[in-house]
Amino acid sequence: ILPEHPDAKLLMIGRPDTEGFDAELHRYAESSEALKKAVIFTGYTTDVAQYYRQGAILLMPSAFEGYPMTLMEAKAYARPCVMFAMPYLEAAKHGCIQVPQGDEKAMARAVCRLFDDPERLYALGSEAKDSLAEFSQERVKQLWTELFAYLETGEDKTGLFADTMSAEDKVRHFEIMEKECAVAHQICMNHASYLERMS
């Protein structure tokens, strides 16, 4: 990103779970003068709002997510997200650009394209914020009510539970989720503090 946008900054908010990983991140960020200026470690904070206000894009290079709170927070501040692909993730359907898992170059290109097109950046941010309505308390309550009614009577009055996904898409989504779960499991199994907590 820096050759095209030398003023870009990467804010690393929070702290990693392990000191070793934290030290490795700092070492890498200090490996060049350009990175020293571009990467800012905020440390742990309970005041994330200030960073969403000054930021332009949320980067989410996750291998696996369930219900990513950082994504929902970014949406609340009308910030779009550039992320590794997780097509099963409902929250990522609007206001997000998904690139292939592990493809950092594709992620950088997507960020550069947004920086080069402020109108698209703004529109994607607005789309992100508008999509929060799908996750409001009222909407979730309505969905639970419809689910219980469907389980009780077997009638799908709203069409919410209609099976519209093709068999091919079902297999593809299952394969993606299976792969992502395996990756997440492997990461956990190689994470000392996770294993310590589990034991």
C-alpha atoms as a PDB file:
ATOM      1  CA  ILE A   1       0.000   0.000   0.000  1.00  0.00           C
ATOM      2  CA  LEU A   2       2.770   2.450   0.965  1.00  0.00           C
ATOM      3  CA  PRO A   3       4.302   2.934  -2.519  1.00  0.00           C
ATOM      4  CA  GLU A   4       0.915   4.145  -3.786  1.00  0.00           C
ATOM      5  CA  HIS A   5      -0.259   5.808  -0.566  1.00  0.00           C
ATOM      6  CA  PRO A   6       2.816   6.837   1.448  1.00  0.00           C
ATOM      7  CA  ASP A   7       0.688   8.630   4.072  1.00  0.00           C
ATOM      8  CA  ALA A   8      -1.353   5.512   4.912  1.00  0.00           C
ATOM      9  CA  LYS A   9      -1.272   4.356   8.530  1.00  0.00           C
ATOM     10  CA  LEU A  10      -2.045   0.934   9.986  1.00  0.00           C
ATOM     11  CA  LEU A  11      -3.467   1.127  13.504  1.00  0.00           C
ATOM     12  CA  MET A  12      -2.986  -2.113  15.422  1.00  0.00           C
ATOM     13  CA  ILE A  13      -5.570  -1.788  18.187  1.00  0.00           C
ATOM     14  CA  GLY A  14      -5.429  -3.994  21.275  1.00  0.00           C
ATOM     15  CA  ARG A  15      -2.751  -6.522  22.107  1.00  0.00           C
ATOM     16  CA  PRO A  16      -1.985 -10.090  21.018  1.00  0.00           C
ATOM     17  CA  ASP A  17      -2.625 -12.956  23.405  1.00  0.00           C
ATOM     18  CA  THR A  18       1.043 -13.870  23.709  1.00  0.00           C
ATOM     19  CA  GLU A  19       4.147 -11.806  24.376  1.00  0.00           C
ATOM     20  CA  GLY A  20       6.078 -13.711  21.706  1.00  0.00           C
ATOM     21  CA  PHE A  21       3.619 -12.804  18.968  1.00  0.00           C
ATOM     22  CA  ASP A  22       3.511  -9.194  20.179  1.00  0.00           C
ATOM     23  CA  ALA A  23       7.322  -8.999  20.050  1.00  0.00           C
ATOM     24  CA  GLU A  24       7.352 -10.535  16.572  1.00  0.00           C
ATOM     25  CA  LEU A  25       4.845  -7.941  15.310  1.00  0.00           C
ATOM     26  CA  HIS A  26       6.923  -5.082  16.739  1.00  0.00           C
ATOM     27  CA  ARG A  27      10.126  -6.484  15.233  1.00  0.00           C
ATOM     28  CA  TYR A  28       8.513  -6.703  11.802  1.00  0.00           C
ATOM     29  CA  ALA A  29       7.038  -3.192  12.080  1.00  0.00           C
ATOM     30  CA  GLU A  30      10.470  -1.814  12.948  1.00  0.00           C
ATOM     31  CA  SER A  31      12.234  -3.585  10.078  1.00  0.00           C
ATOM     32  CA  SER A  32      12.122  -0.515   7.825  1.00  0.00           C
ATOM     33  CA  GLU A  33      11.812   3.254   8.217  1.00  0.00           C
ATOM     34  CA  ALA A  34       8.607   3.250   6.126  1.00  0.00           C
ATOM     35  CA  LEU A  35       6.939   0.669   8.389  1.00  0.00           C
ATOM     36  CA  LYS A  36       8.104   2.468  11.543  1.00  0.00           C
ATOM     37  CA  LYS A  37       6.172   5.534  10.390  1.00  0.00           C
ATOM     38  CA  ALA A  38       3.173   3.648   9.034  1.00  0.00           C
ATOM     39  CA  VAL A  39       2.391   1.108  11.784  1.00  0.00           C
ATOM     40  CA  ILE A  40       1.005   2.399  15.067  1.00  0.00           C
ATOM     41  CA  PHE A  41       0.457   0.084  18.050  1.00  0.00           C
ATOM     42  CA  THR A  42      -2.209   1.529  20.343  1.00  0.00           C
ATOM     43  CA  GLY A  43      -2.020  -1.157  23.020  1.00  0.00           C
ATOM     44  CA  TYR A  44      -5.091  -2.195  24.980  1.00  0.00           C
ATOM     45  CA  THR A  45      -7.882   0.361  25.161  1.00  0.00           C
ATOM     46  CA  THR A  46     -11.562   0.446  26.040  1.00  0.00           C
ATOM     47  CA  ASP A  47     -12.043   3.572  23.907  1.00  0.00           C
ATOM     48  CA  VAL A  48     -12.097   2.173  20.370  1.00  0.00           C
ATOM     49  CA  ALA A  49     -14.503   4.847  19.109  1.00  0.00           C
ATOM     50  CA  GLN A  50     -11.729   7.381  18.535  1.00  0.00           C
ATOM     51  CA  TYR A  51      -9.935   4.943  16.211  1.00  0.00           C
ATOM     52  CA  TYR A  52     -13.036   4.127  14.186  1.00  0.00           C
ATOM     53  CA  ARG A  53     -13.663   7.867  13.783  1.00  0.00           C
ATOM     54  CA  GLN A  54     -10.172   8.577  12.459  1.00  0.00           C
ATOM     55  CA  GLY A  55      -9.871   5.360  10.450  1.00  0.00           C
ATOM     56  CA  ALA A  56     -11.106   4.794   6.916  1.00  0.00           C
ATOM     57  CA  ILE A  57     -11.184   0.994   6.534  1.00  0.00           C
ATOM     58  CA  LEU A  58     -11.301  -1.999   8.859  1.00  0.00           C
ATOM     59  CA  LEU A  59      -8.867  -4.764   7.877  1.00  0.00           C
ATOM     60  CA  MET A  60      -9.958  -8.235   8.973  1.00  0.00           C
ATOM     61  CA  PRO A  61      -7.306 -10.807   7.984  1.00  0.00           C
ATOM     62  CA  SER A  62      -9.011 -13.587   9.954  1.00  0.00           C
ATOM     63  CA  ALA A  63      -8.848 -17.272   9.129  1.00  0.00           C
ATOM     64  CA  PHE A  64     -12.229 -17.837  10.791  1.00  0.00           C
ATOM     65  CA  GLU A  65     -14.914 -15.757  12.512  1.00  0.00           C
ATOM     66  CA  GLY A  66     -18.234 -16.459  14.185  1.00  0.00           C
ATOM     67  CA  TYR A  67     -19.781 -13.100  15.019  1.00  0.00           C
ATOM     68  CA  PRO A  68     -16.959 -10.552  14.667  1.00  0.00           C
ATOM     69  CA  MET A  69     -17.576  -7.646  17.037  1.00  0.00           C
ATOM     70  CA  THR A  70     -14.908  -5.474  15.376  1.00  0.00           C
ATOM     71  CA  LEU A  71     -16.825  -5.731  12.098  1.00  0.00           C
ATOM     72  CA  MET A  72     -20.082  -4.695  13.762  1.00  0.00           C
ATOM     73  CA  GLU A  73     -18.320  -1.790  15.502  1.00  0.00           C
ATOM     74  CA  ALA A  74     -16.816  -0.630  12.199  1.00  0.00           C
ATOM     75  CA  LYS A  75     -20.246  -0.789  10.568  1.00  0.00           C
ATOM     76  CA  ALA A  76     -21.649   1.418  13.352  1.00  0.00           C
ATOM     77  CA  TYR A  77     -19.109   4.070  12.339  1.00  0.00           C
ATOM     78  CA  ALA A  78     -19.837   3.596   8.610  1.00  0.00           C
ATOM     79  CA  ARG A  79     -16.433   2.072   7.951  1.00  0.00           C
ATOM     80  CA  PRO A  80     -16.167  -0.547   5.209  1.00  0.00           C
ATOM     81  CA  CYS A  81     -14.163  -3.713   5.729  1.00  0.00           C
ATOM     82  CA  VAL A  82     -11.542  -5.407   3.572  1.00  0.00           C
ATOM     83  CA  MET A  83     -11.266  -8.995   4.728  1.00  0.00           C
ATOM     84  CA  PHE A  84     -10.158 -12.503   3.880  1.00  0.00           C
ATOM     85  CA  ALA A  85     -13.098 -14.374   2.354  1.00  0.00           C
ATOM     86  CA  MET A  86     -15.577 -15.984   4.728  1.00  0.00           C
ATOM     87  CA  PRO A  87     -18.646 -16.400   2.482  1.00  0.00           C
ATOM     88  CA  TYR A  88     -20.652 -18.090   5.253  1.00  0.00           C
ATOM     89  CA  LEU A  89     -20.462 -14.944   7.396  1.00  0.00           C
ATOM     90  CA  GLU A  90     -23.817 -13.120   7.287  1.00  0.00           C
ATOM     91  CA  ALA A  91     -22.333  -9.890   8.655  1.00  0.00           C
ATOM     92  CA  ALA A  92     -19.875  -9.729   5.736  1.00  0.00           C
ATOM     93  CA  LYS A  93     -22.504  -9.633   2.987  1.00  0.00           C
ATOM     94  CA  HIS A  94     -22.791  -5.843   2.959  1.00  0.00           C
ATOM     95  CA  GLY A  95     -20.180  -3.119   3.251  1.00  0.00           C
ATOM     96  CA  CYS A  96     -17.286  -5.554   2.851  1.00  0.00           C
ATOM     97  CA  ILE A  97     -14.787  -6.490   0.177  1.00  0.00           C
ATOM     98  CA  GLN A  98     -13.709 -10.115   0.480  1.00  0.00           C
ATOM     99  CA  VAL A  99     -10.441 -11.331  -1.020  1.00  0.00           C
ATOM    100  CA  PRO A 100      -9.106 -14.911  -1.110  1.00  0.00           C
ATOM    101  CA  GLN A 101      -7.963 -16.320   2.233  1.00  0.00           C
ATOM    102  CA  GLY A 102      -4.319 -15.491   2.943  1.00  0.00           C
ATOM    103  CA  ASP A 103      -3.902 -13.266  -0.128  1.00  0.00           C
ATOM    104  CA  GLU A 104      -2.275 -10.185   1.428  1.00  0.00           C
ATOM    105  CA  LYS A 105      -1.527  -8.666  -2.001  1.00  0.00           C
ATOM    106  CA  ALA A 106      -5.206  -8.844  -2.970  1.00  0.00           C
ATOM    107  CA  MET A 107      -6.069  -7.198   0.349  1.00  0.00           C
ATOM    108  CA  ALA A 108      -3.556  -4.393  -0.324  1.00  0.00           C
ATOM    109  CA  ARG A 109      -4.924  -3.892  -3.856  1.00  0.00           C
ATOM    110  CA  ALA A 110      -8.485  -3.654  -2.502  1.00  0.00           C
ATOM    111  CA  VAL A 111      -7.408  -1.034   0.049  1.00  0.00           C
ATOM    112  CA  CYS A 112      -5.573   0.988  -2.614  1.00  0.00           C
ATOM    113  CA  ARG A 113      -8.619   0.890  -4.911  1.00  0.00           C
ATOM    114  CA  LEU A 114     -10.797   2.257  -2.088  1.00  0.00           C
ATOM    115  CA  PHE A 115      -8.272   4.997  -1.292  1.00  0.00           C
ATOM    116  CA  ASP A 116      -8.232   5.910  -5.003  1.00  0.00           C
ATOM    117  CA  ASP A 117     -12.034   6.062  -5.165  1.00  0.00           C
ATOM    118  CA  PRO A 118     -13.405   8.095  -2.219  1.00  0.00           C
ATOM    119  CA  GLU A 119     -16.964   7.868  -3.583  1.00  0.00           C
ATOM    120  CA  ARG A 120     -16.805   4.067  -3.525  1.00  0.00           C
ATOM    121  CA  LEU A 121     -15.232   4.168  -0.047  1.00  0.00           C
ATOM    122  CA  TYR A 122     -18.070   6.366   1.227  1.00  0.00           C
ATOM    123  CA  ALA A 123     -20.783   4.299  -0.501  1.00  0.00           C
ATOM    124  CA  LEU A 124     -19.408   1.053   0.925  1.00  0.00           C
ATOM    125  CA  GLY A 125     -19.273   2.634   4.400  1.00  0.00           C
ATOM    126  CA  SER A 126     -22.908   3.757   4.093  1.00  0.00           C
ATOM    127  CA  GLU A 127     -23.882   0.262   2.957  1.00  0.00           C
ATOM    128  CA  ALA A 128     -22.077  -1.171   5.993  1.00  0.00           C
ATOM    129  CA  LYS A 129     -23.928   1.117   8.404  1.00  0.00           C
ATOM    130  CA  ASP A 130     -27.328   0.497   6.786  1.00  0.00           C
ATOM    131  CA  SER A 131     -26.804  -3.266   7.023  1.00  0.00           C
ATOM    132  CA  LEU A 132     -26.730  -3.078  10.832  1.00  0.00           C
ATOM    133  CA  ALA A 133     -30.531  -2.963  10.773  1.00  0.00           C
ATOM    134  CA  GLU A 134     -30.459  -6.691   9.958  1.00  0.00           C
ATOM    135  CA  PHE A 135     -28.786  -7.287  13.334  1.00  0.00           C
ATOM    136  CA  SER A 136     -30.930  -4.993  15.490  1.00  0.00           C
ATOM    137  CA  GLN A 137     -32.605  -6.323  18.633  1.00  0.00           C
ATOM    138  CA  GLU A 138     -35.997  -5.932  16.990  1.00  0.00           C
ATOM    139  CA  ARG A 139     -34.954  -7.918  13.913  1.00  0.00           C
ATOM    140  CA  VAL A 140     -33.316 -10.690  15.967  1.00  0.00           C
ATOM    141  CA  LYS A 141     -36.405 -10.913  18.203  1.00  0.00           C
ATOM    142  CA  GLN A 142     -38.611 -11.140  15.116  1.00  0.00           C
ATOM    143  CA  LEU A 143     -36.465 -13.940  13.675  1.00  0.00           C
ATOM    144  CA  TRP A 144     -36.620 -15.920  16.937  1.00  0.00           C
ATOM    145  CA  THR A 145     -40.408 -15.495  17.040  1.00  0.00           C
ATOM    146  CA  GLU A 146     -40.703 -16.702  13.439  1.00  0.00           C
ATOM    147  CA  LEU A 147     -38.406 -19.655  14.146  1.00  0.00           C
ATOM    148  CA  PHE A 148     -40.435 -20.780  17.188  1.00  0.00           C
ATOM    149  CA  ALA A 149     -43.700 -20.423  15.230  1.00  0.00           C
ATOM    150  CA  TYR A 150     -42.221 -22.509  12.415  1.00  0.00           C
ATOM    151  CA  LEU A 151     -40.993 -25.207  14.831  1.00  0.00           C
ATOM    152  CA  GLU A 152     -44.385 -25.312  16.545  1.00  0.00           C
ATOM    153  CA  THR A 153     -46.629 -25.429  13.468  1.00  0.00           C
ATOM    154  CA  GLY A 154     -44.368 -26.393  10.571  1.00  0.00           C
ATOM    155  CA  GLU A 155     -45.840 -23.456   8.623  1.00  0.00           C
ATOM    156  CA  ASP A 156     -43.380 -21.060   7.018  1.00  0.00           C
ATOM    157  CA  LYS A 157     -45.678 -18.039   6.687  1.00  0.00           C
ATOM    158  CA  THR A 158     -42.902 -15.595   5.808  1.00  0.00           C
ATOM    159  CA  GLY A 159     -40.839 -17.848   3.543  1.00  0.00           C
ATOM    160  CA  LEU A 160     -37.874 -17.273   5.863  1.00  0.00           C
ATOM    161  CA  PHE A 161     -37.060 -20.963   6.101  1.00  0.00           C
ATOM    162  CA  ALA A 162     -37.518 -21.791   2.424  1.00  0.00           C
ATOM    163  CA  ASP A 163     -34.595 -23.789   1.118  1.00  0.00           C
ATOM    164  CA  THR A 164     -33.469 -21.707  -1.860  1.00  0.00           C
ATOM    165  CA  MET A 165     -29.794 -22.690  -1.915  1.00  0.00           C
ATOM    166  CA  SER A 166     -28.718 -25.031  -4.687  1.00  0.00           C
ATOM    167  CA  ALA A 167     -27.181 -28.393  -3.790  1.00  0.00           C
ATOM    168  CA  GLU A 168     -23.918 -27.212  -5.397  1.00  0.00           C
ATOM    169  CA  ASP A 169     -23.825 -24.072  -3.191  1.00  0.00           C
ATOM    170  CA  LYS A 170     -24.611 -26.135  -0.082  1.00  0.00           C
ATOM    171  CA  VAL A 171     -21.664 -28.429  -0.773  1.00  0.00           C
ATOM    172  CA  ARG A 172     -19.388 -25.460  -1.534  1.00  0.00           C
ATOM    173  CA  HIS A 173     -20.379 -23.626   1.677  1.00  0.00           C
ATOM    174  CA  PHE A 174     -19.966 -26.794   3.733  1.00  0.00           C
ATOM    175  CA  GLU A 175     -16.496 -27.364   2.277  1.00  0.00           C
ATOM    176  CA  ILE A 176     -15.508 -23.751   3.023  1.00  0.00           C
ATOM    177  CA  MET A 177     -16.764 -23.942   6.617  1.00  0.00           C
ATOM    178  CA  GLU A 178     -15.093 -27.315   7.143  1.00  0.00           C
ATOM    179  CA  LYS A 179     -11.783 -25.914   5.864  1.00  0.00           C
ATOM    180  CA  GLU A 180     -12.042 -22.726   7.939  1.00  0.00           C
ATOM    181  CA  CYS A 181     -12.966 -24.674  11.096  1.00  0.00           C
ATOM    182  CA  ALA A 182      -9.947 -26.915  10.540  1.00  0.00           C
ATOM    183  CA  VAL A 183      -7.671 -23.878  10.143  1.00  0.00           C
ATOM    184  CA  ALA A 184      -9.096 -22.242  13.274  1.00  0.00           C
ATOM    185  CA  HIS A 185      -8.724 -25.509  15.229  1.00  0.00           C
ATOM    186  CA  GLN A 186      -5.103 -25.841  14.109  1.00  0.00           C
ATOM    187  CA  ILE A 187      -4.369 -22.256  15.186  1.00  0.00           C
ATOM    188  CA  CYS A 188      -5.901 -22.942  18.613  1.00  0.00           C
ATOM    189  CA  MET A 189      -3.967 -26.186  19.024  1.00  0.00           C
ATOM    190  CA  ASN A 190      -0.710 -24.324  18.348  1.00  0.00           C
ATOM    191  CA  HIS A 191      -1.549 -21.530  20.772  1.00  0.00           C
ATOM    192  CA  ALA A 192       0.093 -22.107  24.161  1.00  0.00           C
ATOM    193  CA  SER A 193      -2.178 -19.861  26.235  1.00  0.00           C
ATOM    194  CA  TYR A 194      -5.305 -21.427  24.681  1.00  0.00           C
ATOM    195  CA  LEU A 195      -4.097 -24.928  25.545  1.00  0.00           C
ATOM    196  CA  GLU A 196      -3.222 -23.788  29.051  1.00  0.00           C
ATOM    197  CA  ARG A 197      -6.732 -22.377  29.555  1.00  0.00           C
ATOM    198  CA  MET A 198      -8.306 -25.556  28.143  1.00  0.00           C
ATOM    199  CA  SER A 199      -6.329 -27.774  30.504  1.00  0.00           C
END
